[in-house]
N, C-alpha and C. Protein backbone atom coordinates (compact mmCIF):
# COMPACT_ATOMS: atom_id res chain seq x y z
N UNK A 1 -13.12 3.91 -56.89
CA UNK A 1 -12.14 3.70 -55.86
C UNK A 1 -11.97 4.92 -54.95
N UNK A 2 -12.02 6.15 -55.48
CA UNK A 2 -11.81 7.30 -54.62
C UNK A 2 -12.83 7.36 -53.47
N UNK A 3 -14.08 6.91 -53.75
CA UNK A 3 -15.08 6.95 -52.69
C UNK A 3 -14.72 6.00 -51.56
N UNK A 4 -14.19 4.84 -51.89
CA UNK A 4 -13.78 3.88 -50.88
C UNK A 4 -12.65 4.47 -50.03
N UNK A 5 -11.71 5.13 -50.68
CA UNK A 5 -10.60 5.74 -49.94
C UNK A 5 -11.12 6.81 -48.98
N UNK A 6 -12.09 7.61 -49.44
CA UNK A 6 -12.66 8.64 -48.55
C UNK A 6 -13.36 8.00 -47.36
N UNK A 7 -14.10 6.91 -47.61
CA UNK A 7 -14.78 6.23 -46.51
C UNK A 7 -13.78 5.64 -45.52
N UNK A 8 -12.71 5.05 -46.03
CA UNK A 8 -11.68 4.48 -45.17
C UNK A 8 -11.00 5.60 -44.38
N UNK A 9 -10.70 6.71 -45.04
CA UNK A 9 -10.05 7.84 -44.36
C UNK A 9 -10.98 8.42 -43.29
N UNK A 10 -12.26 8.57 -43.61
CA UNK A 10 -13.21 9.10 -42.64
C UNK A 10 -13.37 8.15 -41.47
N UNK A 11 -13.46 6.86 -41.76
CA UNK A 11 -13.57 5.86 -40.69
C UNK A 11 -12.33 5.85 -39.81
N UNK A 12 -11.17 5.97 -40.42
CA UNK A 12 -9.92 6.02 -39.65
C UNK A 12 -9.88 7.26 -38.76
N UNK A 13 -10.34 8.38 -39.29
CA UNK A 13 -10.35 9.62 -38.50
C UNK A 13 -11.26 9.47 -37.29
N UNK A 14 -12.40 8.84 -37.46
CA UNK A 14 -13.33 8.63 -36.34
C UNK A 14 -12.70 7.72 -35.29
N UNK A 15 -12.05 6.67 -35.72
CA UNK A 15 -11.41 5.74 -34.78
C UNK A 15 -10.29 6.44 -34.02
N UNK A 16 -9.46 7.21 -34.71
CA UNK A 16 -8.37 7.94 -34.05
C UNK A 16 -8.93 8.95 -33.05
N UNK A 17 -9.96 9.68 -33.43
CA UNK A 17 -10.58 10.67 -32.53
C UNK A 17 -11.16 9.99 -31.29
N UNK A 18 -11.81 8.87 -31.48
CA UNK A 18 -12.38 8.15 -30.34
C UNK A 18 -11.28 7.63 -29.43
N UNK A 19 -10.20 7.14 -30.01
CA UNK A 19 -9.07 6.65 -29.22
C UNK A 19 -8.45 7.77 -28.41
N UNK A 20 -8.22 8.91 -29.04
CA UNK A 20 -7.62 10.04 -28.33
C UNK A 20 -8.54 10.58 -27.25
N UNK A 21 -9.82 10.61 -27.51
CA UNK A 21 -10.78 11.09 -26.51
C UNK A 21 -10.79 10.15 -25.30
N UNK A 22 -10.61 8.88 -25.54
CA UNK A 22 -10.59 7.92 -24.44
C UNK A 22 -9.33 8.02 -23.60
N UNK A 23 -8.26 8.57 -24.16
CA UNK A 23 -7.00 8.67 -23.44
C UNK A 23 -6.91 9.94 -22.60
N UNK A 24 -7.67 10.95 -22.92
CA UNK A 24 -7.54 12.21 -22.20
C UNK A 24 -8.88 12.60 -21.60
N UNK A 25 -8.93 12.52 -20.27
CA UNK A 25 -10.13 12.89 -19.56
C UNK A 25 -9.91 14.26 -18.93
N UNK A 26 -10.88 15.12 -19.04
CA UNK A 26 -10.82 16.42 -18.39
C UNK A 26 -11.79 16.40 -17.23
N UNK A 27 -11.31 16.76 -16.07
CA UNK A 27 -12.11 16.78 -14.85
C UNK A 27 -12.71 18.17 -14.69
N UNK A 28 -14.01 18.22 -14.44
CA UNK A 28 -14.67 19.51 -14.21
C UNK A 28 -14.49 19.92 -12.75
N UNK A 29 -13.92 21.09 -12.54
CA UNK A 29 -13.76 21.66 -11.20
C UNK A 29 -14.24 23.10 -11.22
N UNK A 30 -14.65 23.58 -10.08
CA UNK A 30 -15.03 24.99 -9.94
C UNK A 30 -13.79 25.76 -9.51
N UNK A 31 -13.44 26.83 -10.24
CA UNK A 31 -12.29 27.63 -9.80
C UNK A 31 -12.64 28.39 -8.52
N UNK A 32 -11.64 28.67 -7.73
CA UNK A 32 -11.83 29.48 -6.53
C UNK A 32 -12.07 30.93 -6.94
N UNK A 33 -12.66 31.71 -6.03
CA UNK A 33 -12.99 33.10 -6.34
C UNK A 33 -11.78 33.93 -6.77
N UNK A 34 -10.61 33.65 -6.22
CA UNK A 34 -9.41 34.44 -6.54
C UNK A 34 -8.42 33.63 -7.39
N UNK A 35 -8.94 32.74 -8.23
CA UNK A 35 -8.08 31.87 -9.04
C UNK A 35 -7.22 32.64 -10.03
N UNK A 36 -7.63 33.86 -10.39
CA UNK A 36 -6.84 34.63 -11.35
C UNK A 36 -5.73 35.43 -10.69
N UNK A 37 -5.51 35.24 -9.41
CA UNK A 37 -4.42 35.90 -8.69
C UNK A 37 -3.09 35.43 -9.29
N UNK A 38 -2.16 36.35 -9.58
CA UNK A 38 -0.87 35.93 -10.15
C UNK A 38 -0.12 34.90 -9.30
N UNK A 39 -0.31 34.93 -8.00
CA UNK A 39 0.35 33.94 -7.14
C UNK A 39 -0.16 32.53 -7.45
N UNK A 40 -1.41 32.42 -7.86
CA UNK A 40 -1.94 31.10 -8.23
C UNK A 40 -1.27 30.59 -9.50
N UNK A 41 -0.98 31.48 -10.42
CA UNK A 41 -0.27 31.07 -11.64
C UNK A 41 1.12 30.55 -11.28
N UNK A 42 1.77 31.21 -10.32
CA UNK A 42 3.10 30.78 -9.89
C UNK A 42 3.05 29.39 -9.26
N UNK A 43 1.98 29.08 -8.56
CA UNK A 43 1.82 27.76 -7.95
C UNK A 43 1.47 26.72 -9.02
N UNK A 44 0.58 27.08 -9.93
CA UNK A 44 0.10 26.13 -10.93
C UNK A 44 1.22 25.51 -11.76
N UNK A 45 2.23 26.29 -12.08
CA UNK A 45 3.32 25.77 -12.91
C UNK A 45 4.24 24.83 -12.14
N UNK A 46 4.09 24.78 -10.82
CA UNK A 46 4.94 23.93 -9.98
C UNK A 46 4.31 22.58 -9.64
N UNK A 47 3.07 22.37 -10.04
CA UNK A 47 2.37 21.13 -9.68
C UNK A 47 3.03 19.93 -10.34
N UNK A 48 3.19 18.83 -9.58
CA UNK A 48 3.87 17.65 -10.12
C UNK A 48 3.00 16.86 -11.10
N UNK A 49 3.66 16.09 -11.96
CA UNK A 49 2.97 15.23 -12.92
C UNK A 49 2.33 14.01 -12.24
N UNK A 50 2.88 13.62 -11.10
CA UNK A 50 2.27 12.52 -10.34
C UNK A 50 2.41 12.82 -8.86
N UNK A 51 1.48 12.27 -8.10
CA UNK A 51 1.44 12.49 -6.66
C UNK A 51 0.85 11.24 -6.02
N UNK A 52 1.54 10.69 -5.04
CA UNK A 52 1.09 9.48 -4.36
C UNK A 52 0.85 8.33 -5.34
N UNK A 53 1.65 8.27 -6.38
CA UNK A 53 1.48 7.21 -7.37
C UNK A 53 0.33 7.44 -8.34
N UNK A 54 -0.30 8.60 -8.27
CA UNK A 54 -1.42 8.93 -9.15
C UNK A 54 -0.97 9.94 -10.20
N UNK A 55 -1.36 9.72 -11.44
CA UNK A 55 -1.02 10.65 -12.51
C UNK A 55 -1.90 11.89 -12.44
N UNK A 56 -1.33 13.01 -12.83
CA UNK A 56 -2.10 14.25 -12.91
C UNK A 56 -3.08 14.15 -14.06
N UNK A 57 -4.29 14.66 -13.86
CA UNK A 57 -5.30 14.68 -14.91
C UNK A 57 -5.62 16.13 -15.25
N UNK A 58 -6.11 16.35 -16.45
CA UNK A 58 -6.46 17.70 -16.90
C UNK A 58 -7.70 18.19 -16.17
N UNK A 59 -7.72 19.47 -15.89
CA UNK A 59 -8.90 20.10 -15.28
C UNK A 59 -9.36 21.22 -16.19
N UNK A 60 -10.62 21.63 -16.02
CA UNK A 60 -11.15 22.70 -16.86
C UNK A 60 -11.29 24.02 -16.10
N UNK A 61 -10.62 24.15 -14.96
CA UNK A 61 -10.72 25.36 -14.16
C UNK A 61 -9.33 25.93 -13.90
N UNK A 62 -9.25 27.24 -13.93
CA UNK A 62 -7.99 27.93 -13.70
C UNK A 62 -7.50 27.67 -12.28
N UNK A 63 -6.18 27.56 -12.13
CA UNK A 63 -5.50 27.44 -10.85
C UNK A 63 -5.95 26.21 -10.06
N UNK A 64 -6.10 25.10 -10.76
CA UNK A 64 -6.47 23.84 -10.12
C UNK A 64 -5.52 22.74 -10.57
N UNK A 65 -5.48 21.69 -9.79
CA UNK A 65 -4.72 20.50 -10.15
C UNK A 65 -5.48 19.30 -9.62
N UNK A 66 -5.35 18.16 -10.29
CA UNK A 66 -6.03 16.95 -9.84
C UNK A 66 -5.17 15.75 -10.21
N UNK A 67 -5.23 14.75 -9.34
CA UNK A 67 -4.48 13.51 -9.55
C UNK A 67 -5.42 12.34 -9.30
N UNK A 68 -5.27 11.30 -10.10
CA UNK A 68 -6.17 10.15 -9.98
C UNK A 68 -7.42 10.39 -10.79
N UNK A 69 -8.56 10.05 -10.22
CA UNK A 69 -9.80 10.09 -11.02
C UNK A 69 -10.84 11.12 -10.59
N UNK A 70 -10.71 12.20 -9.94
CA UNK A 70 -9.58 12.61 -9.13
C UNK A 70 -9.72 12.17 -7.68
N UNK A 71 -8.61 11.71 -7.15
CA UNK A 71 -8.52 11.34 -5.75
C UNK A 71 -8.02 12.53 -4.94
N UNK A 72 -7.12 13.31 -5.55
CA UNK A 72 -6.55 14.49 -4.90
C UNK A 72 -6.87 15.70 -5.77
N UNK A 73 -7.36 16.77 -5.15
CA UNK A 73 -7.70 18.00 -5.88
C UNK A 73 -7.07 19.19 -5.16
N UNK A 74 -6.49 20.09 -5.92
CA UNK A 74 -5.94 21.33 -5.40
C UNK A 74 -6.64 22.49 -6.08
N UNK A 75 -7.04 23.49 -5.29
CA UNK A 75 -7.61 24.73 -5.83
C UNK A 75 -6.89 25.91 -5.18
N UNK A 76 -6.33 26.76 -6.00
CA UNK A 76 -5.67 27.97 -5.51
C UNK A 76 -6.64 29.14 -5.64
N UNK A 77 -6.59 30.05 -4.66
CA UNK A 77 -7.42 31.24 -4.72
C UNK A 77 -8.64 31.18 -3.82
N UNK A 78 -8.67 30.18 -2.91
CA UNK A 78 -9.78 30.14 -1.96
C UNK A 78 -9.56 31.23 -0.92
N UNK A 79 -10.62 31.58 -0.21
CA UNK A 79 -10.53 32.64 0.79
C UNK A 79 -9.59 32.22 1.92
N UNK A 80 -8.64 33.08 2.26
CA UNK A 80 -7.74 32.75 3.37
C UNK A 80 -8.53 32.60 4.67
N UNK A 81 -8.26 31.56 5.44
CA UNK A 81 -9.00 31.36 6.68
C UNK A 81 -8.56 32.34 7.77
N UNK A 82 -9.49 32.68 8.60
CA UNK A 82 -9.20 33.51 9.78
C UNK A 82 -8.60 32.62 10.85
N UNK A 83 -8.02 33.22 11.90
CA UNK A 83 -7.54 32.40 13.01
C UNK A 83 -8.66 31.47 13.48
N UNK A 84 -8.28 30.27 13.86
CA UNK A 84 -9.26 29.23 14.10
C UNK A 84 -8.81 28.31 15.23
N UNK A 85 -9.76 27.59 15.78
CA UNK A 85 -9.44 26.56 16.77
C UNK A 85 -9.25 25.20 16.11
N UNK A 86 -9.38 25.13 14.79
CA UNK A 86 -9.14 23.88 14.08
C UNK A 86 -7.67 23.47 14.21
N UNK A 87 -7.40 22.18 14.03
CA UNK A 87 -6.02 21.70 14.05
C UNK A 87 -5.22 22.41 12.97
N UNK A 88 -4.00 22.78 13.32
CA UNK A 88 -3.10 23.41 12.37
C UNK A 88 -1.80 22.61 12.40
N UNK A 89 -1.26 22.34 11.24
CA UNK A 89 -0.05 21.53 11.15
C UNK A 89 0.87 22.12 10.09
N UNK A 90 2.14 21.87 10.22
CA UNK A 90 3.12 22.32 9.24
C UNK A 90 3.62 21.10 8.49
N UNK A 91 3.41 21.10 7.18
CA UNK A 91 3.84 20.01 6.32
C UNK A 91 4.60 20.60 5.15
N UNK A 92 5.81 20.13 4.92
CA UNK A 92 6.61 20.63 3.81
C UNK A 92 6.93 22.11 3.92
N UNK A 93 6.98 22.62 5.16
CA UNK A 93 7.30 24.03 5.37
C UNK A 93 6.11 24.96 5.19
N UNK A 94 4.91 24.41 5.04
CA UNK A 94 3.70 25.22 4.84
C UNK A 94 2.72 24.90 5.97
N UNK A 95 2.12 25.94 6.55
CA UNK A 95 1.10 25.74 7.58
C UNK A 95 -0.24 25.46 6.92
N UNK A 96 -0.94 24.45 7.44
CA UNK A 96 -2.24 24.02 6.91
C UNK A 96 -3.25 23.89 8.04
N UNK A 97 -4.43 24.42 7.84
CA UNK A 97 -5.54 24.15 8.75
C UNK A 97 -6.22 22.87 8.27
N UNK A 98 -6.45 21.96 9.19
CA UNK A 98 -7.14 20.71 8.87
C UNK A 98 -8.62 20.99 9.10
N UNK A 99 -9.37 21.08 8.02
CA UNK A 99 -10.79 21.40 8.12
C UNK A 99 -11.56 20.21 8.67
N UNK A 100 -12.74 20.45 9.15
CA UNK A 100 -13.55 19.37 9.72
C UNK A 100 -13.63 18.22 8.74
N UNK A 101 -13.46 17.01 9.25
CA UNK A 101 -13.51 15.83 8.40
C UNK A 101 -14.93 15.61 7.88
N UNK A 102 -14.99 15.17 6.67
CA UNK A 102 -16.26 14.81 6.07
C UNK A 102 -16.24 13.31 5.81
N UNK A 103 -17.40 12.74 5.59
CA UNK A 103 -17.50 11.29 5.44
C UNK A 103 -16.64 10.76 4.30
N UNK A 104 -16.64 11.46 3.17
CA UNK A 104 -15.95 10.91 2.00
C UNK A 104 -14.70 11.68 1.59
N UNK A 105 -14.31 12.71 2.35
CA UNK A 105 -13.11 13.44 1.98
C UNK A 105 -12.54 14.20 3.17
N UNK A 106 -11.26 14.54 3.03
CA UNK A 106 -10.58 15.36 4.01
C UNK A 106 -10.06 16.60 3.29
N UNK A 107 -10.24 17.76 3.89
CA UNK A 107 -9.79 19.00 3.26
C UNK A 107 -8.83 19.74 4.19
N UNK A 108 -7.86 20.39 3.57
CA UNK A 108 -6.94 21.28 4.26
C UNK A 108 -6.88 22.58 3.48
N UNK A 109 -6.54 23.65 4.17
CA UNK A 109 -6.35 24.93 3.50
C UNK A 109 -5.11 25.58 4.11
N UNK A 110 -4.30 26.23 3.25
CA UNK A 110 -3.11 26.88 3.77
C UNK A 110 -3.51 27.96 4.76
N UNK A 111 -2.69 28.11 5.78
CA UNK A 111 -2.95 29.14 6.78
C UNK A 111 -1.87 30.21 6.68
N UNK A 112 -2.30 31.47 6.73
CA UNK A 112 -1.37 32.58 6.69
C UNK A 112 -0.88 32.92 5.29
N UNK A 113 -1.57 32.45 4.27
CA UNK A 113 -1.19 32.73 2.87
C UNK A 113 -2.37 33.37 2.15
N UNK A 114 -2.08 34.34 1.32
CA UNK A 114 -3.11 34.99 0.52
C UNK A 114 -2.57 35.13 -0.90
N UNK A 115 -3.10 34.40 -1.86
CA UNK A 115 -4.29 33.57 -1.81
C UNK A 115 -4.02 32.25 -1.09
N UNK A 116 -5.07 31.67 -0.59
CA UNK A 116 -4.97 30.39 0.10
C UNK A 116 -5.17 29.25 -0.90
N UNK A 117 -4.68 28.10 -0.52
CA UNK A 117 -4.79 26.89 -1.35
C UNK A 117 -5.53 25.83 -0.56
N UNK A 118 -6.47 25.20 -1.22
CA UNK A 118 -7.25 24.12 -0.62
C UNK A 118 -6.85 22.80 -1.28
N UNK A 119 -6.62 21.79 -0.46
CA UNK A 119 -6.35 20.44 -0.95
C UNK A 119 -7.42 19.52 -0.39
N UNK A 120 -8.00 18.73 -1.27
CA UNK A 120 -9.02 17.75 -0.89
C UNK A 120 -8.54 16.37 -1.29
N UNK A 121 -8.62 15.44 -0.34
CA UNK A 121 -8.23 14.05 -0.62
C UNK A 121 -9.42 13.16 -0.29
N UNK A 122 -9.81 12.36 -1.27
CA UNK A 122 -10.93 11.45 -1.08
C UNK A 122 -10.55 10.34 -0.11
N UNK A 123 -11.43 10.06 0.82
CA UNK A 123 -11.21 8.99 1.79
C UNK A 123 -11.44 7.64 1.13
N UNK A 124 -10.94 6.61 1.79
CA UNK A 124 -11.13 5.25 1.28
C UNK A 124 -10.06 4.85 0.30
N UNK A 125 -9.08 5.70 0.08
CA UNK A 125 -7.98 5.38 -0.82
C UNK A 125 -6.78 4.96 0.03
N UNK A 126 -5.89 4.22 -0.53
CA UNK A 126 -4.68 3.80 0.17
C UNK A 126 -3.63 4.90 0.02
N UNK A 127 -3.89 6.03 0.70
CA UNK A 127 -3.02 7.20 0.59
C UNK A 127 -2.66 7.68 1.98
N UNK A 128 -1.38 7.90 2.21
CA UNK A 128 -0.93 8.50 3.46
C UNK A 128 -1.14 10.00 3.33
N UNK A 129 -2.16 10.47 4.01
CA UNK A 129 -2.61 11.85 3.90
C UNK A 129 -1.48 12.86 4.17
N UNK A 130 -0.78 12.69 5.28
CA UNK A 130 0.29 13.63 5.65
C UNK A 130 1.41 13.63 4.63
N UNK A 131 1.76 12.46 4.11
CA UNK A 131 2.83 12.37 3.12
C UNK A 131 2.45 13.10 1.84
N UNK A 132 1.20 12.95 1.41
CA UNK A 132 0.74 13.63 0.19
C UNK A 132 0.84 15.14 0.34
N UNK A 133 0.34 15.67 1.45
CA UNK A 133 0.34 17.12 1.64
C UNK A 133 1.77 17.63 1.83
N UNK A 134 2.60 16.86 2.53
CA UNK A 134 4.00 17.24 2.71
C UNK A 134 4.71 17.34 1.36
N UNK A 135 4.51 16.33 0.52
CA UNK A 135 5.14 16.30 -0.81
C UNK A 135 4.62 17.45 -1.68
N UNK A 136 3.32 17.64 -1.67
CA UNK A 136 2.73 18.72 -2.46
C UNK A 136 3.25 20.08 -1.99
N UNK A 137 3.35 20.26 -0.67
CA UNK A 137 3.87 21.51 -0.11
C UNK A 137 5.27 21.79 -0.61
N UNK A 138 6.11 20.75 -0.65
CA UNK A 138 7.49 20.95 -1.09
C UNK A 138 7.55 21.38 -2.56
N UNK A 139 6.61 20.91 -3.38
CA UNK A 139 6.57 21.32 -4.79
C UNK A 139 6.15 22.78 -4.94
N UNK A 140 5.13 23.19 -4.19
CA UNK A 140 4.52 24.51 -4.44
C UNK A 140 5.08 25.63 -3.57
N UNK A 141 5.87 25.30 -2.56
CA UNK A 141 6.30 26.31 -1.59
C UNK A 141 6.97 27.52 -2.24
N UNK A 142 7.80 27.33 -3.24
CA UNK A 142 8.51 28.46 -3.84
C UNK A 142 7.56 29.39 -4.61
N UNK A 143 6.38 28.91 -4.98
CA UNK A 143 5.42 29.75 -5.69
C UNK A 143 4.42 30.44 -4.79
N UNK A 144 4.39 30.06 -3.52
CA UNK A 144 3.41 30.63 -2.59
C UNK A 144 3.77 32.06 -2.20
N UNK A 145 2.74 32.85 -1.94
CA UNK A 145 2.96 34.17 -1.37
C UNK A 145 3.58 33.98 0.02
N UNK A 146 4.39 34.93 0.46
CA UNK A 146 4.99 34.79 1.80
C UNK A 146 3.91 34.68 2.88
N UNK A 147 4.22 33.91 3.92
CA UNK A 147 3.28 33.73 5.02
C UNK A 147 3.18 35.02 5.83
N UNK A 148 1.96 35.37 6.19
CA UNK A 148 1.72 36.55 7.02
C UNK A 148 1.29 36.13 8.43
N UNK A 149 1.05 34.85 8.64
CA UNK A 149 0.69 34.30 9.95
C UNK A 149 1.14 32.84 9.98
N UNK A 150 1.27 32.30 11.18
CA UNK A 150 1.70 30.91 11.33
C UNK A 150 0.83 30.21 12.36
N UNK A 151 0.85 28.89 12.30
CA UNK A 151 0.15 28.11 13.33
C UNK A 151 0.78 28.43 14.68
N UNK A 152 -0.04 28.58 15.70
CA UNK A 152 0.50 28.78 17.04
C UNK A 152 0.51 27.49 17.82
N UNK A 153 -0.47 26.63 17.58
CA UNK A 153 -0.50 25.29 18.18
C UNK A 153 -0.57 24.30 17.03
N UNK A 154 0.46 23.48 16.94
CA UNK A 154 0.54 22.55 15.81
C UNK A 154 0.23 21.13 16.26
N UNK A 155 -0.31 20.37 15.33
CA UNK A 155 -0.42 18.93 15.52
C UNK A 155 0.59 18.29 14.61
N UNK A 156 1.09 17.11 14.98
CA UNK A 156 2.13 16.50 14.18
C UNK A 156 1.67 16.11 12.80
N UNK A 157 0.51 15.49 12.68
CA UNK A 157 -0.03 15.12 11.38
C UNK A 157 -1.54 15.26 11.44
N UNK A 158 -2.18 15.58 10.32
CA UNK A 158 -3.63 15.66 10.32
C UNK A 158 -4.24 14.27 10.47
N UNK A 159 -5.44 14.24 10.98
CA UNK A 159 -6.16 12.96 11.07
C UNK A 159 -6.43 12.45 9.67
N UNK A 160 -6.22 11.17 9.45
CA UNK A 160 -6.47 10.64 8.10
C UNK A 160 -7.69 9.77 8.07
């Protein structure tokens, strides 16, 4: 009988491990070059558990956040952008440069902040781009380094 109990216990352990592995997905992301900046740690602890109706998922890179599968990705510690002719907008009290649109995603990067934060949103989703960035900005604003520059020409909302 003891052997049967061991087999049942081992089988149960395998089933539980498989179940738990299926419930928790870790998304692989590349950390930004300055991800170990203490300001990124201050931002990381402010990230919401859900955004645009999407649950936050675990990532394997420092100073990152992701929501959905991932539909929305945040990376802190990217290189701060220089003054640019790209569209600049203020959402949630934070200035953002709207980077050139790509076929499958839209990217923004904070302007006038060091370290800078990049947000990427996958296209083709039913997500109001400006609302997502505005909401995210309101969560992380208190953890951001003070702005050293601001948008001089703003657009009301980024192109979605």
